[in-house]
N, C-alpha and C. Protein backbone atom coordinates (compact mmCIF):
# COMPACT_ATOMS: atom_id res chain seq x y z
N MET A 1 86.55 113.73 85.90
CA MET A 1 87.85 113.11 86.10
C MET A 1 88.42 112.78 84.72
N ASP A 2 89.63 113.23 84.47
CA ASP A 2 90.23 112.99 83.16
C ASP A 2 90.90 111.61 83.11
N ARG A 3 91.37 111.25 81.93
CA ARG A 3 91.94 109.93 81.70
C ARG A 3 93.20 109.70 82.54
N GLY A 4 94.04 110.72 82.66
CA GLY A 4 95.27 110.60 83.44
C GLY A 4 95.00 110.30 84.90
N SER A 5 93.99 110.98 85.44
CA SER A 5 93.64 110.73 86.84
C SER A 5 93.15 109.31 87.04
N ARG A 6 92.31 108.84 86.12
CA ARG A 6 91.82 107.46 86.22
C ARG A 6 92.96 106.45 86.14
N GLN A 7 93.92 106.71 85.26
CA GLN A 7 95.06 105.79 85.14
C GLN A 7 95.90 105.77 86.41
N ARG A 8 96.10 106.93 87.02
CA ARG A 8 96.84 106.97 88.28
C ARG A 8 96.11 106.22 89.38
N ILE A 9 94.79 106.37 89.42
CA ILE A 9 93.99 105.65 90.42
C ILE A 9 94.09 104.15 90.20
N TRP A 10 94.00 103.70 88.96
CA TRP A 10 94.11 102.27 88.65
C TRP A 10 95.48 101.74 89.05
N LYS A 11 96.52 102.53 88.80
CA LYS A 11 97.86 102.11 89.16
C LYS A 11 98.00 101.96 90.67
N VAL A 12 97.47 102.92 91.41
CA VAL A 12 97.52 102.84 92.87
C VAL A 12 96.73 101.63 93.36
N GLU A 13 95.57 101.36 92.76
CA GLU A 13 94.78 100.21 93.16
C GLU A 13 95.53 98.90 92.90
N ARG A 14 96.22 98.81 91.78
CA ARG A 14 97.02 97.60 91.48
C ARG A 14 98.13 97.44 92.51
N LEU A 15 98.82 98.53 92.83
CA LEU A 15 99.89 98.47 93.83
C LEU A 15 99.35 98.06 95.19
N LEU A 16 98.21 98.60 95.56
CA LEU A 16 97.61 98.24 96.85
C LEU A 16 97.22 96.77 96.91
N SER A 17 96.69 96.26 95.81
CA SER A 17 96.30 94.85 95.82
C SER A 17 97.53 93.95 95.93
N LYS A 18 98.62 94.33 95.27
CA LYS A 18 99.87 93.57 95.41
C LYS A 18 100.37 93.64 96.85
N THR A 19 100.31 94.82 97.43
CA THR A 19 100.76 95.00 98.81
C THR A 19 99.93 94.16 99.77
N GLU A 20 98.63 94.12 99.56
CA GLU A 20 97.77 93.32 100.42
C GLU A 20 98.13 91.85 100.34
N ARG A 21 98.42 91.35 99.14
CA ARG A 21 98.81 89.94 99.00
C ARG A 21 100.15 89.69 99.69
N LEU A 22 101.10 90.59 99.51
CA LEU A 22 102.41 90.42 100.15
C LEU A 22 102.29 90.49 101.66
N LEU A 23 101.49 91.41 102.15
CA LEU A 23 101.32 91.54 103.59
C LEU A 23 100.73 90.27 104.19
N ALA A 24 99.75 89.69 103.51
CA ALA A 24 99.16 88.45 104.00
C ALA A 24 100.22 87.35 104.07
N ALA A 25 101.07 87.26 103.07
CA ALA A 25 102.13 86.24 103.07
C ALA A 25 103.13 86.50 104.20
N VAL A 26 103.50 87.75 104.40
CA VAL A 26 104.46 88.08 105.47
C VAL A 26 103.87 87.76 106.83
N LEU A 27 102.63 88.12 107.05
CA LEU A 27 101.98 87.84 108.33
C LEU A 27 101.89 86.34 108.58
N THR A 28 101.62 85.56 107.53
CA THR A 28 101.57 84.11 107.67
C THR A 28 102.92 83.57 108.09
N LYS A 29 103.99 84.06 107.46
CA LYS A 29 105.34 83.61 107.83
C LYS A 29 105.68 84.00 109.26
N LEU A 30 105.31 85.21 109.65
CA LEU A 30 105.58 85.65 111.01
C LEU A 30 104.85 84.77 112.03
N GLU A 31 103.62 84.41 111.72
CA GLU A 31 102.85 83.57 112.63
C GLU A 31 103.43 82.17 112.72
N GLU A 32 104.00 81.68 111.62
CA GLU A 32 104.57 80.33 111.60
C GLU A 32 105.89 80.26 112.36
N SER A 33 106.58 81.37 112.47
CA SER A 33 107.87 81.35 113.16
C SER A 33 107.64 81.16 114.65
N ARG A 34 108.66 80.74 115.33
CA ARG A 34 108.54 80.44 116.76
C ARG A 34 108.77 81.66 117.64
N VAL A 35 109.29 82.73 117.05
CA VAL A 35 109.55 83.95 117.82
C VAL A 35 108.22 84.71 117.96
N PRO A 36 107.89 85.15 119.16
CA PRO A 36 106.63 85.89 119.35
C PRO A 36 106.58 87.14 118.47
N LEU A 37 105.39 87.46 118.01
CA LEU A 37 105.20 88.59 117.11
C LEU A 37 105.65 89.91 117.74
N GLU A 38 105.42 90.07 119.04
CA GLU A 38 105.83 91.31 119.71
C GLU A 38 107.34 91.51 119.63
N VAL A 39 108.09 90.43 119.78
CA VAL A 39 109.55 90.52 119.71
C VAL A 39 109.99 90.88 118.30
N GLN A 40 109.36 90.24 117.31
CA GLN A 40 109.71 90.53 115.92
C GLN A 40 109.41 91.99 115.57
N LEU A 41 108.25 92.48 116.02
CA LEU A 41 107.90 93.87 115.73
C LEU A 41 108.85 94.84 116.42
N LYS A 42 109.30 94.51 117.61
CA LYS A 42 110.26 95.36 118.31
C LYS A 42 111.56 95.47 117.53
N VAL A 43 112.04 94.34 117.01
CA VAL A 43 113.27 94.33 116.21
C VAL A 43 113.07 95.13 114.93
N ILE A 44 111.91 94.95 114.29
CA ILE A 44 111.63 95.68 113.05
C ILE A 44 111.57 97.17 113.32
N ARG A 45 110.89 97.58 114.39
CA ARG A 45 110.80 99.00 114.73
C ARG A 45 112.18 99.61 114.97
N GLU A 46 113.01 98.87 115.69
CA GLU A 46 114.36 99.37 115.98
C GLU A 46 115.16 99.53 114.69
N SER A 47 115.05 98.57 113.80
CA SER A 47 115.76 98.64 112.52
C SER A 47 115.25 99.81 111.68
N VAL A 48 113.95 100.00 111.65
CA VAL A 48 113.37 101.11 110.89
C VAL A 48 113.81 102.45 111.48
N ARG A 49 113.86 102.54 112.80
CA ARG A 49 114.27 103.78 113.45
C ARG A 49 115.72 104.12 113.09
N HIS A 50 116.60 103.12 113.11
CA HIS A 50 118.01 103.35 112.74
C HIS A 50 118.11 103.80 111.28
N HIS A 51 117.36 103.14 110.42
CA HIS A 51 117.41 103.47 109.00
C HIS A 51 116.91 104.90 108.77
N ALA A 52 115.79 105.26 109.39
CA ALA A 52 115.24 106.60 109.22
C ALA A 52 116.20 107.66 109.74
N THR A 53 116.86 107.37 110.84
CA THR A 53 117.85 108.30 111.38
C THR A 53 119.01 108.48 110.42
N ALA A 54 119.47 107.38 109.85
CA ALA A 54 120.58 107.46 108.89
C ALA A 54 120.18 108.26 107.65
N VAL A 55 118.97 108.04 107.15
CA VAL A 55 118.50 108.77 105.97
C VAL A 55 118.39 110.26 106.29
N ALA A 56 117.86 110.59 107.47
CA ALA A 56 117.76 112.00 107.85
C ALA A 56 119.15 112.63 107.96
N ALA A 57 120.10 111.92 108.53
CA ALA A 57 121.46 112.45 108.64
C ALA A 57 122.08 112.66 107.27
N ILE A 58 121.83 111.74 106.35
CA ILE A 58 122.35 111.89 104.98
C ILE A 58 121.76 113.12 104.32
N VAL A 59 120.46 113.32 104.48
CA VAL A 59 119.81 114.48 103.86
C VAL A 59 120.35 115.78 104.44
N ILE A 60 120.56 115.80 105.74
CA ILE A 60 121.01 117.03 106.39
C ILE A 60 122.49 117.31 106.14
N SER A 61 123.35 116.29 106.26
CA SER A 61 124.79 116.52 106.24
C SER A 61 125.53 115.89 105.07
N GLY A 62 124.94 114.94 104.40
CA GLY A 62 125.67 114.20 103.39
C GLY A 62 125.65 114.79 102.00
N GLU A 63 124.83 115.81 101.79
CA GLU A 63 124.70 116.43 100.47
C GLU A 63 124.54 115.38 99.37
N PRO A 64 123.51 114.53 99.45
CA PRO A 64 123.35 113.46 98.46
C PRO A 64 123.04 114.01 97.07
N LYS A 65 123.55 113.32 96.07
CA LYS A 65 123.28 113.66 94.68
C LYS A 65 122.49 112.51 94.07
N ILE A 66 121.65 112.81 93.12
CA ILE A 66 120.75 111.81 92.56
C ILE A 66 121.50 110.66 91.93
N ASP A 67 122.59 110.92 91.23
CA ASP A 67 123.25 109.89 90.44
C ASP A 67 124.40 109.18 91.17
N GLU A 68 124.56 109.40 92.47
CA GLU A 68 125.67 108.76 93.17
C GLU A 68 125.16 107.66 94.10
N PRO A 69 126.01 106.69 94.40
CA PRO A 69 125.61 105.66 95.36
C PRO A 69 125.39 106.28 96.75
N LEU A 70 124.42 105.76 97.45
CA LEU A 70 124.08 106.27 98.77
C LEU A 70 125.24 106.10 99.75
N VAL A 71 126.08 105.12 99.51
CA VAL A 71 127.22 104.86 100.38
C VAL A 71 128.15 106.07 100.43
N ARG A 72 128.34 106.72 99.31
CA ARG A 72 129.23 107.89 99.28
C ARG A 72 128.66 109.04 100.10
N ALA A 73 127.36 109.26 99.99
CA ALA A 73 126.73 110.31 100.81
C ALA A 73 126.82 109.94 102.28
N TRP A 74 126.69 108.66 102.59
CA TRP A 74 126.80 108.21 103.98
C TRP A 74 128.21 108.45 104.50
N GLU A 75 129.23 108.19 103.67
CA GLU A 75 130.62 108.44 104.07
C GLU A 75 130.84 109.92 104.35
N ARG A 76 130.27 110.80 103.52
CA ARG A 76 130.39 112.25 103.77
C ARG A 76 129.69 112.62 105.07
N THR A 77 128.55 112.00 105.32
CA THR A 77 127.83 112.27 106.56
C THR A 77 128.67 111.90 107.77
N LEU A 78 129.27 110.72 107.72
CA LEU A 78 130.10 110.27 108.84
C LEU A 78 131.33 111.16 108.99
N ALA A 79 131.90 111.59 107.88
CA ALA A 79 133.07 112.48 107.95
C ALA A 79 132.68 113.83 108.53
N HIS A 80 131.48 114.28 108.23
CA HIS A 80 131.00 115.57 108.74
C HIS A 80 130.84 115.54 110.26
N HIS A 81 130.43 114.41 110.77
CA HIS A 81 130.22 114.28 112.22
C HIS A 81 131.42 113.63 112.81
């Protein structure tokens, strides 16, 4: 394993450890809230589904460019449909 590979692995491990800490904090907040976890997850899933659909539509019809705001590609997508 070369040095570059080791550095990439270390970077991924650091990111994962940060994610694990954040996830624990988010789960604690969710548990402390009065809304049942199942309801919260349903809302999150619905929001994620809408977002993924919008991103897919932008990729297919919006002709996004790297240096432009995503809003402009979204406007082209809506105009296309």
